[in-house]
Amino acid sequence: MSRSIHKTFKDVKGLTKKELIEQLNDPNSDLALLAKKSSIKKEVLKQRKKKRSQ
């Protein structure tokens, strides 16, 4: 996967509720990057599965 995102759930673990809400509203936060990483990862896995079944 060439679109590497070097953020993990450990980066947001331990944040307070207030900090999580702030990150939820910020499109460039660690939380937003994790969401983007998840969607990219799911997309790549689907493509691999589709390619393998052909």
PDB file of N, CA and C in Angstrom:
ATOM      1  N   MET A   1       0.853  -1.162   0.000  1.00  0.00           N
ATOM      2  CA  MET A   1       0.000   0.000   0.000  1.00  0.00           C
ATOM      3  C   MET A   1       0.902   1.228   0.000  1.00  0.00           C
ATOM      4  N   SER A   2       0.883   1.960  -1.044  1.00  0.00           N
ATOM      5  CA  SER A   2       1.769   3.114  -1.193  1.00  0.00           C
ATOM      6  C   SER A   2       1.264   4.337  -0.434  1.00  0.00           C
ATOM      7  N   ARG A   3      -0.011   4.349  -0.075  1.00  0.00           N
ATOM      8  CA  ARG A   3      -0.566   5.503   0.633  1.00  0.00           C
ATOM      9  C   ARG A   3      -0.483   5.287   2.143  1.00  0.00           C
ATOM     10  N   SER A   4       0.717   5.255   2.671  1.00  0.00           N
ATOM     11  CA  SER A   4       0.937   4.959   4.080  1.00  0.00           C
ATOM     12  C   SER A   4       0.510   6.121   4.963  1.00  0.00           C
ATOM     13  N   ILE A   5      -0.147   5.782   6.046  1.00  0.00           N
ATOM     14  CA  ILE A   5      -0.516   6.752   7.067  1.00  0.00           C
ATOM     15  C   ILE A   5       0.032   6.206   8.376  1.00  0.00           C
ATOM     16  N   HIS A   6       0.953   6.918   8.972  1.00  0.00           N
ATOM     17  CA  HIS A   6       1.641   6.420  10.155  1.00  0.00           C
ATOM     18  C   HIS A   6       0.993   6.912  11.441  1.00  0.00           C
ATOM     19  N   LYS A   7      -0.271   6.617  11.603  1.00  0.00           N
ATOM     20  CA  LYS A   7      -1.000   6.905  12.831  1.00  0.00           C
ATOM     21  C   LYS A   7      -1.618   5.604  13.302  1.00  0.00           C
ATOM     22  N   THR A   8      -1.681   5.416  14.605  1.00  0.00           N
ATOM     23  CA  THR A   8      -2.280   4.210  15.154  1.00  0.00           C
ATOM     24  C   THR A   8      -3.311   4.604  16.200  1.00  0.00           C
ATOM     25  N   PHE A   9      -4.054   3.617  16.669  1.00  0.00           N
ATOM     26  CA  PHE A   9      -5.051   3.885  17.690  1.00  0.00           C
ATOM     27  C   PHE A   9      -4.404   4.284  19.013  1.00  0.00           C
ATOM     28  N   LYS A  10      -3.128   3.943  19.178  1.00  0.00           N
ATOM     29  CA  LYS A  10      -2.409   4.349  20.383  1.00  0.00           C
ATOM     30  C   LYS A  10      -2.259   5.863  20.451  1.00  0.00           C
ATOM     31  N   ASP A  11      -2.301   6.523  19.302  1.00  0.00           N
ATOM     32  CA  ASP A  11      -2.178   7.981  19.264  1.00  0.00           C
ATOM     33  C   ASP A  11      -3.409   8.676  19.845  1.00  0.00           C
ATOM     34  N   VAL A  12      -4.565   8.040  19.792  1.00  0.00           N
ATOM     35  CA  VAL A  12      -5.779   8.654  20.326  1.00  0.00           C
ATOM     36  C   VAL A  12      -6.236   7.999  21.625  1.00  0.00           C
ATOM     37  N   LYS A  13      -5.580   6.913  21.990  1.00  0.00           N
ATOM     38  CA  LYS A  13      -5.936   6.229  23.229  1.00  0.00           C
ATOM     39  C   LYS A  13      -5.571   7.112  24.419  1.00  0.00           C
ATOM     40  N   GLY A  14      -6.472   7.213  25.355  1.00  0.00           N
ATOM     41  CA  GLY A  14      -6.201   7.992  26.555  1.00  0.00           C
ATOM     42  C   GLY A  14      -6.604   9.449  26.466  1.00  0.00           C
ATOM     43  N   LEU A  15      -7.164   9.862  25.347  1.00  0.00           N
ATOM     44  CA  LEU A  15      -7.610  11.248  25.231  1.00  0.00           C
ATOM     45  C   LEU A  15      -8.920  11.430  25.987  1.00  0.00           C
ATOM     46  N   THR A  16      -9.135  12.613  26.488  1.00  0.00           N
ATOM     47  CA  THR A  16     -10.376  12.903  27.191  1.00  0.00           C
ATOM     48  C   THR A  16     -11.511  13.078  26.184  1.00  0.00           C
ATOM     49  N   LYS A  17     -12.725  13.054  26.690  1.00  0.00           N
ATOM     50  CA  LYS A  17     -13.889  13.221  25.824  1.00  0.00           C
ATOM     51  C   LYS A  17     -13.845  14.569  25.107  1.00  0.00           C
ATOM     52  N   LYS A  18     -13.410  15.591  25.804  1.00  0.00           N
ATOM     53  CA  LYS A  18     -13.328  16.934  25.219  1.00  0.00           C
ATOM     54  C   LYS A  18     -12.314  16.950  24.068  1.00  0.00           C
ATOM     55  N   GLU A  19     -11.171  16.304  24.266  1.00  0.00           N
ATOM     56  CA  GLU A  19     -10.143  16.258  23.223  1.00  0.00           C
ATOM     57  C   GLU A  19     -10.622  15.461  22.015  1.00  0.00           C
ATOM     58  N   LEU A  20     -11.366  14.384  22.255  1.00  0.00           N
ATOM     59  CA  LEU A  20     -11.902  13.592  21.144  1.00  0.00           C
ATOM     60  C   LEU A  20     -12.922  14.387  20.336  1.00  0.00           C
ATOM     61  N   ILE A  21     -13.748  15.154  21.012  1.00  0.00           N
ATOM     62  CA  ILE A  21     -14.734  15.979  20.311  1.00  0.00           C
ATOM     63  C   ILE A  21     -14.029  17.041  19.474  1.00  0.00           C
ATOM     64  N   GLU A  22     -12.944  17.613  20.005  1.00  0.00           N
ATOM     65  CA  GLU A  22     -12.170  18.602  19.240  1.00  0.00           C
ATOM     66  C   GLU A  22     -11.564  17.957  18.000  1.00  0.00           C
ATOM     67  N   GLN A  23     -11.041  16.737  18.157  1.00  0.00           N
ATOM     68  CA  GLN A  23     -10.453  16.045  17.015  1.00  0.00           C
ATOM     69  C   GLN A  23     -11.521  15.635  16.007  1.00  0.00           C
ATOM     70  N   LEU A  24     -12.706  15.354  16.480  1.00  0.00           N
ATOM     71  CA  LEU A  24     -13.804  14.977  15.592  1.00  0.00           C
ATOM     72  C   LEU A  24     -14.157  16.125  14.643  1.00  0.00           C
ATOM     73  N   ASN A  25     -14.050  17.348  15.128  1.00  0.00           N
ATOM     74  CA  ASN A  25     -14.390  18.523  14.319  1.00  0.00           C
ATOM     75  C   ASN A  25     -13.245  18.993  13.426  1.00  0.00           C
ATOM     76  N   ASP A  26     -12.035  18.510  13.676  1.00  0.00           N
ATOM     77  CA  ASP A  26     -10.861  18.935  12.914  1.00  0.00           C
ATOM     78  C   ASP A  26     -10.556  17.922  11.810  1.00  0.00           C
ATOM     79  N   PRO A  27     -10.599  18.330  10.536  1.00  0.00           N
ATOM     80  CA  PRO A  27     -10.359  17.380   9.435  1.00  0.00           C
ATOM     81  C   PRO A  27      -8.904  16.920   9.320  1.00  0.00           C
ATOM     82  N   ASN A  28      -7.963  17.587   9.986  1.00  0.00           N
ATOM     83  CA  ASN A  28      -6.552  17.210   9.905  1.00  0.00           C
ATOM     84  C   ASN A  28      -6.049  16.527  11.175  1.00  0.00           C
ATOM     85  N   SER A  29      -6.957  16.085  12.025  1.00  0.00           N
ATOM     86  CA  SER A  29      -6.560  15.488  13.297  1.00  0.00           C
ATOM     87  C   SER A  29      -6.161  14.021  13.130  1.00  0.00           C
ATOM     88  N   ASP A  30      -5.590  13.468  14.202  1.00  0.00           N
ATOM     89  CA  ASP A  30      -5.201  12.059  14.197  1.00  0.00           C
ATOM     90  C   ASP A  30      -6.419  11.158  13.994  1.00  0.00           C
ATOM     91  N   LEU A  31      -7.522  11.537  14.585  1.00  0.00           N
ATOM     92  CA  LEU A  31      -8.748  10.750  14.468  1.00  0.00           C
ATOM     93  C   LEU A  31      -9.247  10.703  13.025  1.00  0.00           C
ATOM     94  N   ALA A  32      -9.187  11.816  12.342  1.00  0.00           N
ATOM     95  CA  ALA A  32      -9.606  11.867  10.936  1.00  0.00           C
ATOM     96  C   ALA A  32      -8.662  11.047  10.061  1.00  0.00           C
ATOM     97  N   LEU A  33      -7.368  11.100  10.378  1.00  0.00           N
ATOM     98  CA  LEU A  33      -6.402  10.299   9.617  1.00  0.00           C
ATOM     99  C   LEU A  33      -6.630   8.808   9.822  1.00  0.00           C
ATOM    100  N   LEU A  34      -7.009   8.422  11.046  1.00  0.00           N
ATOM    101  CA  LEU A  34      -7.311   7.008  11.301  1.00  0.00           C
ATOM    102  C   LEU A  34      -8.534   6.557  10.518  1.00  0.00           C
ATOM    103  N   ALA A  35      -9.530   7.414  10.414  1.00  0.00           N
ATOM    104  CA  ALA A  35     -10.725   7.080   9.640  1.00  0.00           C
ATOM    105  C   ALA A  35     -10.370   6.922   8.161  1.00  0.00           C
ATOM    106  N   LYS A  36      -9.542   7.811   7.666  1.00  0.00           N
ATOM    107  CA  LYS A  36      -9.107   7.737   6.263  1.00  0.00           C
ATOM    108  C   LYS A  36      -8.291   6.468   6.036  1.00  0.00           C
ATOM    109  N   LYS A  37      -7.422   6.151   6.993  1.00  0.00           N
ATOM    110  CA  LYS A  37      -6.594   4.951   6.899  1.00  0.00           C
ATOM    111  C   LYS A  37      -7.467   3.701   6.853  1.00  0.00           C
ATOM    112  N   SER A  38      -8.501   3.662   7.677  1.00  0.00           N
ATOM    113  CA  SER A  38      -9.412   2.517   7.696  1.00  0.00           C
ATOM    114  C   SER A  38     -10.118   2.330   6.361  1.00  0.00           C
ATOM    115  N   SER A  39     -10.601   3.425   5.812  1.00  0.00           N
ATOM    116  CA  SER A  39     -11.322   3.317   4.540  1.00  0.00           C
ATOM    117  C   SER A  39     -10.389   2.890   3.412  1.00  0.00           C
ATOM    118  N   ILE A  40      -9.173   3.406   3.400  1.00  0.00           N
ATOM    119  CA  ILE A  40      -8.197   3.014   2.374  1.00  0.00           C
ATOM    120  C   ILE A  40      -7.861   1.534   2.517  1.00  0.00           C
ATOM    121  N   LYS A  41      -7.673   1.096   3.745  1.00  0.00           N
ATOM    122  CA  LYS A  41      -7.317  -0.294   3.999  1.00  0.00           C
ATOM    123  C   LYS A  41      -8.429  -1.237   3.542  1.00  0.00           C
ATOM    124  N   LYS A  42      -9.687  -0.882   3.835  1.00  0.00           N
ATOM    125  CA  LYS A  42     -10.813  -1.702   3.391  1.00  0.00           C
ATOM    126  C   LYS A  42     -10.887  -1.763   1.869  1.00  0.00           C
ATOM    127  N   GLU A  43     -10.656  -0.627   1.234  1.00  0.00           N
ATOM    128  CA  GLU A  43     -10.690  -0.555  -0.229  1.00  0.00           C
ATOM    129  C   GLU A  43      -9.610  -1.449  -0.847  1.00  0.00           C
ATOM    130  N   VAL A  44      -8.410  -1.391  -0.292  1.00  0.00           N
ATOM    131  CA  VAL A  44      -7.302  -2.192  -0.804  1.00  0.00           C
ATOM    132  C   VAL A  44      -7.584  -3.678  -0.618  1.00  0.00           C
ATOM    133  N   LEU A  45      -8.118  -4.046   0.540  1.00  0.00           N
ATOM    134  CA  LEU A  45      -8.424  -5.454   0.790  1.00  0.00           C
ATOM    135  C   LEU A  45      -9.501  -5.973  -0.163  1.00  0.00           C
ATOM    136  N   LYS A  46     -10.509  -5.136  -0.457  1.00  0.00           N
ATOM    137  CA  LYS A  46     -11.544  -5.529  -1.417  1.00  0.00           C
ATOM    138  C   LYS A  46     -10.954  -5.734  -2.805  1.00  0.00           C
ATOM    139  N   GLN A  47     -10.059  -4.833  -3.202  1.00  0.00           N
ATOM    140  CA  GLN A  47      -9.420  -4.949  -4.521  1.00  0.00           C
ATOM    141  C   GLN A  47      -8.592  -6.224  -4.608  1.00  0.00           C
ATOM    142  N   ARG A  48      -7.866  -6.538  -3.550  1.00  0.00           N
ATOM    143  CA  ARG A  48      -7.055  -7.758  -3.549  1.00  0.00           C
ATOM    144  C   ARG A  48      -7.927  -9.003  -3.626  1.00  0.00           C
ATOM    145  N   LYS A  49      -9.027  -8.992  -2.878  1.00  0.00           N
ATOM    146  CA  LYS A  49      -9.931 -10.142  -2.879  1.00  0.00           C
ATOM    147  C   LYS A  49     -10.557 -10.316  -4.271  1.00  0.00           C
ATOM    148  N   LYS A  50     -10.945  -9.196  -4.877  1.00  0.00           N
ATOM    149  CA  LYS A  50     -11.539  -9.237  -6.209  1.00  0.00           C
ATOM    150  C   LYS A  50     -10.530  -9.755  -7.234  1.00  0.00           C
ATOM    151  N   LYS A  51      -9.299  -9.283  -7.123  1.00  0.00           N
ATOM    152  CA  LYS A  51      -8.236  -9.701  -8.042  1.00  0.00           C
ATOM    153  C   LYS A  51      -7.926 -11.197  -7.869  1.00  0.00           C
ATOM    154  N   ARG A  52      -7.953 -11.674  -6.650  1.00  0.00           N
ATOM    155  CA  ARG A  52      -7.665 -13.070  -6.368  1.00  0.00           C
ATOM    156  C   ARG A  52      -8.755 -13.999  -6.903  1.00  0.00           C
ATOM    157  N   SER A  53     -10.001 -13.548  -6.876  1.00  0.00           N
ATOM    158  CA  SER A  53     -11.123 -14.389  -7.319  1.00  0.00           C
ATOM    159  C   SER A  53     -11.253 -14.458  -8.841  1.00  0.00           C
ATOM    160  N   GLN A  54     -10.570 -13.601  -9.560  1.00  0.00           N
ATOM    161  CA  GLN A  54     -10.673 -13.593 -11.022  1.00  0.00           C
ATOM    162  C   GLN A  54      -9.875 -14.686 -11.640  1.00  0.00           C
TER     163      GLN A  54
END
